[in-house]
Amino acid sequence: MAQGGCAMCPPSRPVPPEVRPDLRILEAHHILEKEKLARLGLPPEAVHDPRNALCLCVHHHDQHEHHRERVPRRRLPAGTFEWAAENGVDWLLDRTYPKELHR
């Protein structure tokens, strides 16, 4: 889980005033969906491993879930990639969070 707050909110930039205070509450986000992982046969301890979690504010969680502003791959914790490889779901991580093209 991200330490210190939302993985999407830059610490050096103030939260925009149009974002209501109640939307700044922090939530845990499963990086790969629990339901998909369970369907793939992963045990509960793998599904709920902290390396499959990311801290997001309610605002950014909603933005991500509704495909308005997706969490970019570069914001995922380093342990997530290790966890995905250990559990054989690195292909799903790549599909869900594609590698970013450098311009």
PDB file of N, CA and C in Angstrom:
ATOM      1  N   MET A   1       0.855  -1.174   0.000  1.00  0.00           N
ATOM      2  CA  MET A   1       0.000   0.000   0.000  1.00  0.00           C
ATOM      3  C   MET A   1       0.894   1.229   0.000  1.00  0.00           C
ATOM      4  N   ALA A   2       0.478   2.250  -0.689  1.00  0.00           N
ATOM      5  CA  ALA A   2       1.252   3.488  -0.739  1.00  0.00           C
ATOM      6  C   ALA A   2       1.351   4.098   0.654  1.00  0.00           C
ATOM      7  N   GLN A   3       2.495   4.591   0.969  1.00  0.00           N
ATOM      8  CA  GLN A   3       2.693   5.233   2.261  1.00  0.00           C
ATOM      9  C   GLN A   3       2.462   6.736   2.112  1.00  0.00           C
ATOM     10  N   GLY A   4       1.767   7.321   3.043  1.00  0.00           N
ATOM     11  CA  GLY A   4       1.637   8.756   3.075  1.00  0.00           C
ATOM     12  C   GLY A   4       0.472   9.349   2.323  1.00  0.00           C
ATOM     13  N   GLY A   5      -0.354   8.545   1.701  1.00  0.00           N
ATOM     14  CA  GLY A   5      -1.522   9.105   1.046  1.00  0.00           C
ATOM     15  C   GLY A   5      -1.809   8.505  -0.307  1.00  0.00           C
ATOM     16  N   CYS A   6      -2.642   9.205  -1.056  1.00  0.00           N
ATOM     17  CA  CYS A   6      -3.105   8.763  -2.366  1.00  0.00           C
ATOM     18  C   CYS A   6      -1.939   8.674  -3.347  1.00  0.00           C
ATOM     19  N   ALA A   7      -1.866   7.561  -4.061  1.00  0.00           N
ATOM     20  CA  ALA A   7      -0.801   7.349  -5.049  1.00  0.00           C
ATOM     21  C   ALA A   7      -0.930   8.290  -6.239  1.00  0.00           C
ATOM     22  N   MET A   8      -2.091   8.895  -6.417  1.00  0.00           N
ATOM     23  CA  MET A   8      -2.317   9.775  -7.566  1.00  0.00           C
ATOM     24  C   MET A   8      -2.213  11.257  -7.211  1.00  0.00           C
ATOM     25  N   CYS A   9      -2.378  11.600  -5.964  1.00  0.00           N
ATOM     26  CA  CYS A   9      -2.313  13.004  -5.553  1.00  0.00           C
ATOM     27  C   CYS A   9      -0.858  13.397  -5.334  1.00  0.00           C
ATOM     28  N   PRO A  10      -0.335  14.297  -6.167  1.00  0.00           N
ATOM     29  CA  PRO A  10       1.053  14.710  -5.951  1.00  0.00           C
ATOM     30  C   PRO A  10       1.185  15.484  -4.643  1.00  0.00           C
ATOM     31  N   PRO A  11       2.169  15.117  -3.835  1.00  0.00           N
ATOM     32  CA  PRO A  11       2.312  15.786  -2.535  1.00  0.00           C
ATOM     33  C   PRO A  11       2.666  17.263  -2.656  1.00  0.00           C
ATOM     34  N   SER A  12       3.261  17.648  -3.768  1.00  0.00           N
ATOM     35  CA  SER A  12       3.677  19.044  -3.917  1.00  0.00           C
ATOM     36  C   SER A  12       2.581  19.931  -4.500  1.00  0.00           C
ATOM     37  N   ARG A  13       1.469  19.318  -4.945  1.00  0.00           N
ATOM     38  CA  ARG A  13       0.395  20.097  -5.546  1.00  0.00           C
ATOM     39  C   ARG A  13      -0.840  20.044  -4.660  1.00  0.00           C
ATOM     40  N   PRO A  14      -1.411  21.174  -4.315  1.00  0.00           N
ATOM     41  CA  PRO A  14      -2.610  21.146  -3.467  1.00  0.00           C
ATOM     42  C   PRO A  14      -3.789  20.507  -4.207  1.00  0.00           C
ATOM     43  N   VAL A  15      -4.673  19.902  -3.426  1.00  0.00           N
ATOM     44  CA  VAL A  15      -5.881  19.309  -4.007  1.00  0.00           C
ATOM     45  C   VAL A  15      -6.729  20.430  -4.591  1.00  0.00           C
ATOM     46  N   PRO A  16      -7.216  20.266  -5.830  1.00  0.00           N
ATOM     47  CA  PRO A  16      -8.045  21.319  -6.427  1.00  0.00           C
ATOM     48  C   PRO A  16      -9.258  21.639  -5.563  1.00  0.00           C
ATOM     49  N   PRO A  17      -9.639  22.895  -5.478  1.00  0.00           N
ATOM     50  CA  PRO A  17     -10.756  23.275  -4.600  1.00  0.00           C
ATOM     51  C   PRO A  17     -12.078  22.631  -4.995  1.00  0.00           C
ATOM     52  N   GLU A  18     -12.230  22.224  -6.264  1.00  0.00           N
ATOM     53  CA  GLU A  18     -13.497  21.617  -6.683  1.00  0.00           C
ATOM     54  C   GLU A  18     -13.655  20.187  -6.163  1.00  0.00           C
ATOM     55  N   VAL A  19     -12.587  19.603  -5.634  1.00  0.00           N
ATOM     56  CA  VAL A  19     -12.677  18.267  -5.047  1.00  0.00           C
ATOM     57  C   VAL A  19     -13.133  18.420  -3.600  1.00  0.00           C
ATOM     58  N   ARG A  20     -14.340  17.958  -3.332  1.00  0.00           N
ATOM     59  CA  ARG A  20     -14.923  18.098  -1.997  1.00  0.00           C
ATOM     60  C   ARG A  20     -14.076  17.376  -0.952  1.00  0.00           C
ATOM     61  N   PRO A  21     -14.061  17.880   0.275  1.00  0.00           N
ATOM     62  CA  PRO A  21     -13.275  17.243   1.341  1.00  0.00           C
ATOM     63  C   PRO A  21     -13.608  15.773   1.555  1.00  0.00           C
ATOM     64  N   ASP A  22     -14.894  15.396   1.396  1.00  0.00           N
ATOM     65  CA  ASP A  22     -15.262  13.994   1.622  1.00  0.00           C
ATOM     66  C   ASP A  22     -14.691  13.072   0.545  1.00  0.00           C
ATOM     67  N   LEU A  23     -14.270  13.633  -0.586  1.00  0.00           N
ATOM     68  CA  LEU A  23     -13.675  12.829  -1.646  1.00  0.00           C
ATOM     69  C   LEU A  23     -12.172  12.660  -1.456  1.00  0.00           C
ATOM     70  N   ARG A  24     -11.635  13.269  -0.418  1.00  0.00           N
ATOM     71  CA  ARG A  24     -10.199  13.146  -0.131  1.00  0.00           C
ATOM     72  C   ARG A  24      -9.903  12.007   0.842  1.00  0.00           C
ATOM     73  N   ILE A  25     -10.947  11.312   1.283  1.00  0.00           N
ATOM     74  CA  ILE A  25     -10.789  10.170   2.185  1.00  0.00           C
ATOM     75  C   ILE A  25     -10.022   9.079   1.440  1.00  0.00           C
ATOM     76  N   LEU A  26      -9.127   8.398   2.151  1.00  0.00           N
ATOM     77  CA  LEU A  26      -8.314   7.353   1.522  1.00  0.00           C
ATOM     78  C   LEU A  26      -9.008   6.001   1.566  1.00  0.00           C
ATOM     79  N   GLU A  27      -8.834   5.243   0.472  1.00  0.00           N
ATOM     80  CA  GLU A  27      -9.391   3.899   0.352  1.00  0.00           C
ATOM     81  C   GLU A  27      -8.315   2.964  -0.192  1.00  0.00           C
ATOM     82  N   ALA A  28      -8.490   1.690   0.065  1.00  0.00           N
ATOM     83  CA  ALA A  28      -7.619   0.675  -0.530  1.00  0.00           C
ATOM     84  C   ALA A  28      -8.216   0.268  -1.878  1.00  0.00           C
ATOM     85  N   HIS A  29      -7.375   0.206  -2.876  1.00  0.00           N
ATOM     86  CA  HIS A  29      -7.785  -0.211  -4.219  1.00  0.00           C
ATOM     87  C   HIS A  29      -7.060  -1.508  -4.551  1.00  0.00           C
ATOM     88  N   HIS A  30      -7.801  -2.528  -4.963  1.00  0.00           N
ATOM     89  CA  HIS A  30      -7.165  -3.759  -5.434  1.00  0.00           C
ATOM     90  C   HIS A  30      -6.661  -3.490  -6.845  1.00  0.00           C
ATOM     91  N   ILE A  31      -5.372  -3.629  -7.033  1.00  0.00           N
ATOM     92  CA  ILE A  31      -4.757  -3.332  -8.324  1.00  0.00           C
ATOM     93  C   ILE A  31      -5.324  -4.255  -9.394  1.00  0.00           C
ATOM     94  N   LEU A  32      -5.366  -5.544  -9.113  1.00  0.00           N
ATOM     95  CA  LEU A  32      -6.069  -6.483  -9.987  1.00  0.00           C
ATOM     96  C   LEU A  32      -7.331  -6.915  -9.261  1.00  0.00           C
ATOM     97  N   GLU A  33      -8.426  -6.933  -9.970  1.00  0.00           N
ATOM     98  CA  GLU A  33      -9.734  -7.177  -9.369  1.00  0.00           C
ATOM     99  C   GLU A  33      -9.815  -8.512  -8.645  1.00  0.00           C
ATOM    100  N   LYS A  34     -10.382  -8.461  -7.455  1.00  0.00           N
ATOM    101  CA  LYS A  34     -10.525  -9.657  -6.624  1.00  0.00           C
ATOM    102  C   LYS A  34     -11.284 -10.760  -7.356  1.00  0.00           C
ATOM    103  N   GLU A  35     -12.361 -10.382  -8.032  1.00  0.00           N
ATOM    104  CA  GLU A  35     -13.208 -11.367  -8.704  1.00  0.00           C
ATOM    105  C   GLU A  35     -12.446 -12.080  -9.816  1.00  0.00           C
ATOM    106  N   LYS A  36     -11.670 -11.333 -10.607  1.00  0.00           N
ATOM    107  CA  LYS A  36     -10.889 -11.947 -11.683  1.00  0.00           C
ATOM    108  C   LYS A  36      -9.859 -12.908 -11.109  1.00  0.00           C
ATOM    109  N   LEU A  37      -9.196 -12.499 -10.051  1.00  0.00           N
ATOM    110  CA  LEU A  37      -8.173 -13.342  -9.441  1.00  0.00           C
ATOM    111  C   LEU A  37      -8.780 -14.620  -8.868  1.00  0.00           C
ATOM    112  N   ALA A  38      -9.950 -14.506  -8.254  1.00  0.00           N
ATOM    113  CA  ALA A  38     -10.627 -15.686  -7.709  1.00  0.00           C
ATOM    114  C   ALA A  38     -11.044 -16.630  -8.836  1.00  0.00           C
ATOM    115  N   ARG A  39     -11.549 -16.069  -9.943  1.00  0.00           N
ATOM    116  CA  ARG A  39     -11.928 -16.904 -11.098  1.00  0.00           C
ATOM    117  C   ARG A  39     -10.726 -17.633 -11.683  1.00  0.00           C
ATOM    118  N   LEU A  40      -9.544 -17.019 -11.576  1.00  0.00           N
ATOM    119  CA  LEU A  40      -8.320 -17.654 -12.064  1.00  0.00           C
ATOM    120  C   LEU A  40      -7.792 -18.698 -11.081  1.00  0.00           C
ATOM    121  N   GLY A  41      -8.444 -18.831  -9.928  1.00  0.00           N
ATOM    122  CA  GLY A  41      -8.077 -19.861  -8.964  1.00  0.00           C
ATOM    123  C   GLY A  41      -7.048 -19.450  -7.935  1.00  0.00           C
ATOM    124  N   LEU A  42      -6.763 -18.153  -7.818  1.00  0.00           N
ATOM    125  CA  LEU A  42      -5.813 -17.717  -6.801  1.00  0.00           C
ATOM    126  C   LEU A  42      -6.439 -17.856  -5.417  1.00  0.00           C
ATOM    127  N   PRO A  43      -5.656 -18.309  -4.443  1.00  0.00           N
ATOM    128  CA  PRO A  43      -6.187 -18.445  -3.086  1.00  0.00           C
ATOM    129  C   PRO A  43      -6.422 -17.068  -2.460  1.00  0.00           C
ATOM    130  N   PRO A  44      -7.298 -16.998  -1.460  1.00  0.00           N
ATOM    131  CA  PRO A  44      -7.611 -15.708  -0.823  1.00  0.00           C
ATOM    132  C   PRO A  44      -6.387 -14.956  -0.324  1.00  0.00           C
ATOM    133  N   GLU A  45      -5.380 -15.660   0.201  1.00  0.00           N
ATOM    134  CA  GLU A  45      -4.201 -14.954   0.703  1.00  0.00           C
ATOM    135  C   GLU A  45      -3.436 -14.258  -0.420  1.00  0.00           C
ATOM    136  N   ALA A  46      -3.495 -14.775  -1.631  1.00  0.00           N
ATOM    137  CA  ALA A  46      -2.853 -14.108  -2.775  1.00  0.00           C
ATOM    138  C   ALA A  46      -3.711 -12.933  -3.246  1.00  0.00           C
ATOM    139  N   VAL A  47      -5.025 -13.135  -3.282  1.00  0.00           N
ATOM    140  CA  VAL A  47      -5.944 -12.077  -3.720  1.00  0.00           C
ATOM    141  C   VAL A  47      -5.835 -10.858  -2.813  1.00  0.00           C
ATOM    142  N   HIS A  48      -5.713 -11.088  -1.516  1.00  0.00           N
ATOM    143  CA  HIS A  48      -5.694 -10.000  -0.539  1.00  0.00           C
ATOM    144  C   HIS A  48      -4.287  -9.625  -0.070  1.00  0.00           C
ATOM    145  N   ASP A  49      -3.287 -10.071  -0.800  1.00  0.00           N
ATOM    146  CA  ASP A  49      -1.899  -9.718  -0.486  1.00  0.00           C
ATOM    147  C   ASP A  49      -1.762  -8.197  -0.577  1.00  0.00           C
ATOM    148  N   PRO A  50      -1.105  -7.562   0.390  1.00  0.00           N
ATOM    149  CA  PRO A  50      -0.955  -6.100   0.358  1.00  0.00           C
ATOM    150  C   PRO A  50      -0.234  -5.587  -0.887  1.00  0.00           C
ATOM    151  N   ARG A  51       0.509  -6.454  -1.563  1.00  0.00           N
ATOM    152  CA  ARG A  51       1.190  -6.020  -2.786  1.00  0.00           C
ATOM    153  C   ARG A  51       0.223  -5.869  -3.951  1.00  0.00           C
ATOM    154  N   ASN A  52      -1.024  -6.327  -3.776  1.00  0.00           N
ATOM    155  CA  ASN A  52      -2.073  -6.125  -4.773  1.00  0.00           C
ATOM    156  C   ASN A  52      -2.980  -4.972  -4.349  1.00  0.00           C
ATOM    157  N   ALA A  53      -2.453  -4.058  -3.571  1.00  0.00           N
ATOM    158  CA  ALA A  53      -3.260  -2.938  -3.086  1.00  0.00           C
ATOM    159  C   ALA A  53      -2.543  -1.615  -3.316  1.00  0.00           C
ATOM    160  N   LEU A  54      -3.338  -0.600  -3.464  1.00  0.00           N
ATOM    161  CA  LEU A  54      -2.837   0.747  -3.691  1.00  0.00           C
ATOM    162  C   LEU A  54      -3.738   1.696  -2.926  1.00  0.00           C
ATOM    163  N   CYS A  55      -3.164   2.691  -2.298  1.00  0.00           N
ATOM    164  CA  CYS A  55      -3.928   3.686  -1.554  1.00  0.00           C
ATOM    165  C   CYS A  55      -4.349   4.797  -2.526  1.00  0.00           C
ATOM    166  N   LEU A  56      -5.647   5.036  -2.608  1.00  0.00           N
ATOM    167  CA  LEU A  56      -6.189   6.106  -3.448  1.00  0.00           C
ATOM    168  C   LEU A  56      -7.214   6.893  -2.647  1.00  0.00           C
ATOM    169  N   CYS A  57      -7.312   8.181  -2.926  1.00  0.00           N
ATOM    170  CA  CYS A  57      -8.394   8.964  -2.339  1.00  0.00           C
ATOM    171  C   CYS A  57      -9.690   8.564  -3.045  1.00  0.00           C
ATOM    172  N   VAL A  58     -10.820   8.838  -2.418  1.00  0.00           N
ATOM    173  CA  VAL A  58     -12.112   8.486  -2.996  1.00  0.00           C
ATOM    174  C   VAL A  58     -12.248   9.074  -4.404  1.00  0.00           C
ATOM    175  N   HIS A  59     -11.792  10.299  -4.581  1.00  0.00           N
ATOM    176  CA  HIS A  59     -11.878  10.962  -5.887  1.00  0.00           C
ATOM    177  C   HIS A  59     -11.132  10.166  -6.957  1.00  0.00           C
ATOM    178  N   HIS A  60      -9.863   9.836  -6.707  1.00  0.00           N
ATOM    179  CA  HIS A  60      -9.082   9.116  -7.717  1.00  0.00           C
ATOM    180  C   HIS A  60      -9.522   7.663  -7.864  1.00  0.00           C
ATOM    181  N   HIS A  61     -10.020   7.066  -6.795  1.00  0.00           N
ATOM    182  CA  HIS A  61     -10.544   5.705  -6.885  1.00  0.00           C
ATOM    183  C   HIS A  61     -11.736   5.685  -7.848  1.00  0.00           C
ATOM    184  N   ASP A  62     -12.634   6.631  -7.672  1.00  0.00           N
ATOM    185  CA  ASP A  62     -13.798   6.738  -8.554  1.00  0.00           C
ATOM    186  C   ASP A  62     -13.361   7.032  -9.996  1.00  0.00           C
ATOM    187  N   GLN A  63     -12.402   7.920 -10.178  1.00  0.00           N
ATOM    188  CA  GLN A  63     -11.906   8.250 -11.516  1.00  0.00           C
ATOM    189  C   GLN A  63     -11.352   6.999 -12.197  1.00  0.00           C
ATOM    190  N   HIS A  64     -10.588   6.212 -11.443  1.00  0.00           N
ATOM    191  CA  HIS A  64      -9.985   4.999 -11.995  1.00  0.00           C
ATOM    192  C   HIS A  64     -11.059   3.965 -12.342  1.00  0.00           C
ATOM    193  N   GLU A  65     -11.946   3.697 -11.405  1.00  0.00           N
ATOM    194  CA  GLU A  65     -12.960   2.659 -11.593  1.00  0.00           C
ATOM    195  C   GLU A  65     -13.910   2.969 -12.752  1.00  0.00           C
ATOM    196  N   HIS A  66     -14.143   4.243 -13.012  1.00  0.00           N
ATOM    197  CA  HIS A  66     -15.054   4.638 -14.099  1.00  0.00           C
ATOM    198  C   HIS A  66     -14.303   5.032 -15.376  1.00  0.00           C
ATOM    199  N   HIS A  67     -13.019   4.676 -15.427  1.00  0.00           N
ATOM    200  CA  HIS A  67     -12.179   4.863 -16.624  1.00  0.00           C
ATOM    201  C   HIS A  67     -12.070   6.319 -17.075  1.00  0.00           C
ATOM    202  N   ARG A  68     -12.164   7.245 -16.138  1.00  0.00           N
ATOM    203  CA  ARG A  68     -12.003   8.656 -16.485  1.00  0.00           C
ATOM    204  C   ARG A  68     -10.542   9.089 -16.362  1.00  0.00           C
ATOM    205  N   GLU A  69      -9.859   8.573 -15.337  1.00  0.00           N
ATOM    206  CA  GLU A  69      -8.426   8.830 -15.157  1.00  0.00           C
ATOM    207  C   GLU A  69      -7.842   7.579 -14.523  1.00  0.00           C
ATOM    208  N   ARG A  70      -7.290   6.723 -15.365  1.00  0.00           N
ATOM    209  CA  ARG A  70      -6.752   5.450 -14.889  1.00  0.00           C
ATOM    210  C   ARG A  70      -5.406   5.658 -14.183  1.00  0.00           C
ATOM    211  N   VAL A  71      -5.135   4.838 -13.205  1.00  0.00           N
ATOM    212  CA  VAL A  71      -3.843   4.865 -12.529  1.00  0.00           C
ATOM    213  C   VAL A  71      -2.800   4.375 -13.534  1.00  0.00           C
ATOM    214  N   PRO A  72      -1.770   5.168 -13.799  1.00  0.00           N
ATOM    215  CA  PRO A  72      -0.745   4.711 -14.739  1.00  0.00           C
ATOM    216  C   PRO A  72       0.165   3.658 -14.099  1.00  0.00           C
ATOM    217  N   ARG A  73       0.723   2.822 -14.918  1.00  0.00           N
ATOM    218  CA  ARG A  73       1.594   1.737 -14.473  1.00  0.00           C
ATOM    219  C   ARG A  73       2.735   2.248 -13.583  1.00  0.00           C
ATOM    220  N   ARG A  74       3.265   3.416 -13.896  1.00  0.00           N
ATOM    221  CA  ARG A  74       4.401   3.944 -13.138  1.00  0.00           C
ATOM    222  C   ARG A  74       4.038   4.275 -11.690  1.00  0.00           C
ATOM    223  N   ARG A  75       2.752   4.341 -11.362  1.00  0.00           N
ATOM    224  CA  ARG A  75       2.319   4.643  -9.990  1.00  0.00           C
ATOM    225  C   ARG A  75       2.123   3.382  -9.145  1.00  0.00           C
ATOM    226  N   LEU A  76       2.266   2.211  -9.760  1.00  0.00           N
ATOM    227  CA  LEU A  76       2.094   0.970  -9.010  1.00  0.00           C
ATOM    228  C   LEU A  76       3.321   0.716  -8.137  1.00  0.00           C
ATOM    229  N   PRO A  77       3.123   0.187  -6.945  1.00  0.00           N
ATOM    230  CA  PRO A  77       4.261  -0.127  -6.081  1.00  0.00           C
ATOM    231  C   PRO A  77       5.140  -1.203  -6.713  1.00  0.00           C
ATOM    232  N   ALA A  78       6.430  -1.146  -6.461  1.00  0.00           N
ATOM    233  CA  ALA A  78       7.374  -2.107  -7.033  1.00  0.00           C
ATOM    234  C   ALA A  78       7.009  -3.544  -6.663  1.00  0.00           C
ATOM    235  N   GLY A  79       6.523  -3.763  -5.458  1.00  0.00           N
ATOM    236  CA  GLY A  79       6.158  -5.108  -5.017  1.00  0.00           C
ATOM    237  C   GLY A  79       5.026  -5.732  -5.808  1.00  0.00           C
ATOM    238  N   THR A  80       4.236  -4.918  -6.473  1.00  0.00           N
ATOM    239  CA  THR A  80       3.117  -5.428  -7.259  1.00  0.00           C
ATOM    240  C   THR A  80       3.606  -6.321  -8.388  1.00  0.00           C
ATOM    241  N   PHE A  81       4.693  -5.929  -9.036  1.00  0.00           N
ATOM    242  CA  PHE A  81       5.206  -6.695 -10.168  1.00  0.00           C
ATOM    243  C   PHE A  81       5.757  -8.042  -9.692  1.00  0.00           C
ATOM    244  N   GLU A  82       6.411  -8.042  -8.549  1.00  0.00           N
ATOM    245  CA  GLU A  82       6.913  -9.280  -7.945  1.00  0.00           C
ATOM    246  C   GLU A  82       5.741 -10.190  -7.584  1.00  0.00           C
ATOM    247  N   TRP A  83       4.721  -9.638  -6.938  1.00  0.00           N
ATOM    248  CA  TRP A  83       3.531 -10.396  -6.548  1.00  0.00           C
ATOM    249  C   TRP A  83       2.871 -11.012  -7.778  1.00  0.00           C
ATOM    250  N   ALA A  84       2.727 -10.228  -8.849  1.00  0.00           N
ATOM    251  CA  ALA A  84       2.072 -10.724 -10.058  1.00  0.00           C
ATOM    252  C   ALA A  84       2.862 -11.885 -10.667  1.00  0.00           C
ATOM    253  N   ALA A  85       4.179 -11.768 -10.716  1.00  0.00           N
ATOM    254  CA  ALA A  85       5.018 -12.841 -11.261  1.00  0.00           C
ATOM    255  C   ALA A  85       4.922 -14.096 -10.391  1.00  0.00           C
ATOM    256  N   GLU A  86       4.955 -13.937  -9.082  1.00  0.00           N
ATOM    257  CA  GLU A  86       4.859 -15.071  -8.156  1.00  0.00           C
ATOM    258  C   GLU A  86       3.559 -15.843  -8.336  1.00  0.00           C
ATOM    259  N   ASN A  87       2.493 -15.118  -8.687  1.00  0.00           N
ATOM    260  CA  ASN A  87       1.168 -15.727  -8.797  1.00  0.00           C
ATOM    261  C   ASN A  87       0.752 -16.018 -10.237  1.00  0.00           C
ATOM    262  N   GLY A  88       1.657 -15.799 -11.183  1.00  0.00           N
ATOM    263  CA  GLY A  88       1.376 -16.118 -12.583  1.00  0.00           C
ATOM    264  C   GLY A  88       0.343 -15.222 -13.229  1.00  0.00           C
ATOM    265  N   VAL A  89       0.200 -13.999 -12.712  1.00  0.00           N
ATOM    266  CA  VAL A  89      -0.777 -13.072 -13.294  1.00  0.00           C
ATOM    267  C   VAL A  89      -0.098 -11.822 -13.850  1.00  0.00           C
ATOM    268  N   ASP A  90       1.190 -11.926 -14.164  1.00  0.00           N
ATOM    269  CA  ASP A  90       1.882 -10.772 -14.738  1.00  0.00           C
ATOM    270  C   ASP A  90       1.282 -10.389 -16.078  1.00  0.00           C
ATOM    271  N   TRP A  91       0.762 -11.366 -16.825  1.00  0.00           N
ATOM    272  CA  TRP A  91       0.095 -11.075 -18.100  1.00  0.00           C
ATOM    273  C   TRP A  91      -1.152 -10.217 -17.882  1.00  0.00           C
ATOM    274  N   LEU A  92      -1.880 -10.481 -16.786  1.00  0.00           N
ATOM    275  CA  LEU A  92      -3.081  -9.701 -16.476  1.00  0.00           C
ATOM    276  C   LEU A  92      -2.703  -8.296 -16.024  1.00  0.00           C
ATOM    277  N   LEU A  93      -1.631  -8.190 -15.275  1.00  0.00           N
ATOM    278  CA  LEU A  93      -1.140  -6.876 -14.858  1.00  0.00           C
ATOM    279  C   LEU A  93      -0.732  -6.056 -16.088  1.00  0.00           C
ATOM    280  N   ASP A  94      -0.049  -6.696 -17.038  1.00  0.00           N
ATOM    281  CA  ASP A  94       0.353  -6.005 -18.274  1.00  0.00           C
ATOM    282  C   ASP A  94      -0.859  -5.571 -19.090  1.00  0.00           C
ATOM    283  N   ARG A  95      -1.886  -6.389 -19.106  1.00  0.00           N
ATOM    284  CA  ARG A  95      -3.096  -6.050 -19.871  1.00  0.00           C
ATOM    285  C   ARG A  95      -3.896  -4.930 -19.198  1.00  0.00           C
ATOM    286  N   THR A  96      -3.950  -4.970 -17.864  1.00  0.00           N
ATOM    287  CA  THR A  96      -4.734  -3.986 -17.118  1.00  0.00           C
ATOM    288  C   THR A  96      -4.010  -2.650 -16.998  1.00  0.00           C
ATOM    289  N   TYR A  97      -2.683  -2.711 -16.849  1.00  0.00           N
ATOM    290  CA  TYR A  97      -1.855  -1.517 -16.704  1.00  0.00           C
ATOM    291  C   TYR A  97      -0.750  -1.588 -17.763  1.00  0.00           C
ATOM    292  N   PRO A  98      -1.082  -1.243 -19.010  1.00  0.00           N
ATOM    293  CA  PRO A  98      -0.100  -1.393 -20.089  1.00  0.00           C
ATOM    294  C   PRO A  98       1.137  -0.526 -19.879  1.00  0.00           C
ATOM    295  N   LYS A  99       2.231  -1.017 -20.441  1.00  0.00           N
ATOM    296  CA  LYS A  99       3.483  -0.257 -20.370  1.00  0.00           C
ATOM    297  C   LYS A  99       3.280   1.050 -21.133  1.00  0.00           C
ATOM    298  N   GLU A 100       3.823   2.089 -20.568  1.00  0.00           N
ATOM    299  CA  GLU A 100       3.641   3.424 -21.142  1.00  0.00           C
ATOM    300  C   GLU A 100       4.698   3.662 -22.212  1.00  0.00           C
ATOM    301  N   LEU A 101       4.270   4.259 -23.300  1.00  0.00           N
ATOM    302  CA  LEU A 101       5.196   4.599 -24.373  1.00  0.00           C
ATOM    303  C   LEU A 101       5.899   5.914 -24.052  1.00  0.00           C
ATOM    304  N   HIS A 102       7.197   5.921 -24.247  1.00  0.00           N
ATOM    305  CA  HIS A 102       7.955   7.146 -24.024  1.00  0.00           C
ATOM    306  C   HIS A 102       7.984   7.919 -25.336  1.00  0.00           C
ATOM    307  N   ARG A 103       7.718   9.210 -25.258  1.00  0.00           N
ATOM    308  CA  ARG A 103       7.687  10.036 -26.472  1.00  0.00           C
ATOM    309  C   ARG A 103       8.923  10.845 -26.594  1.00  0.00           C
TER     310      ARG A 103
END
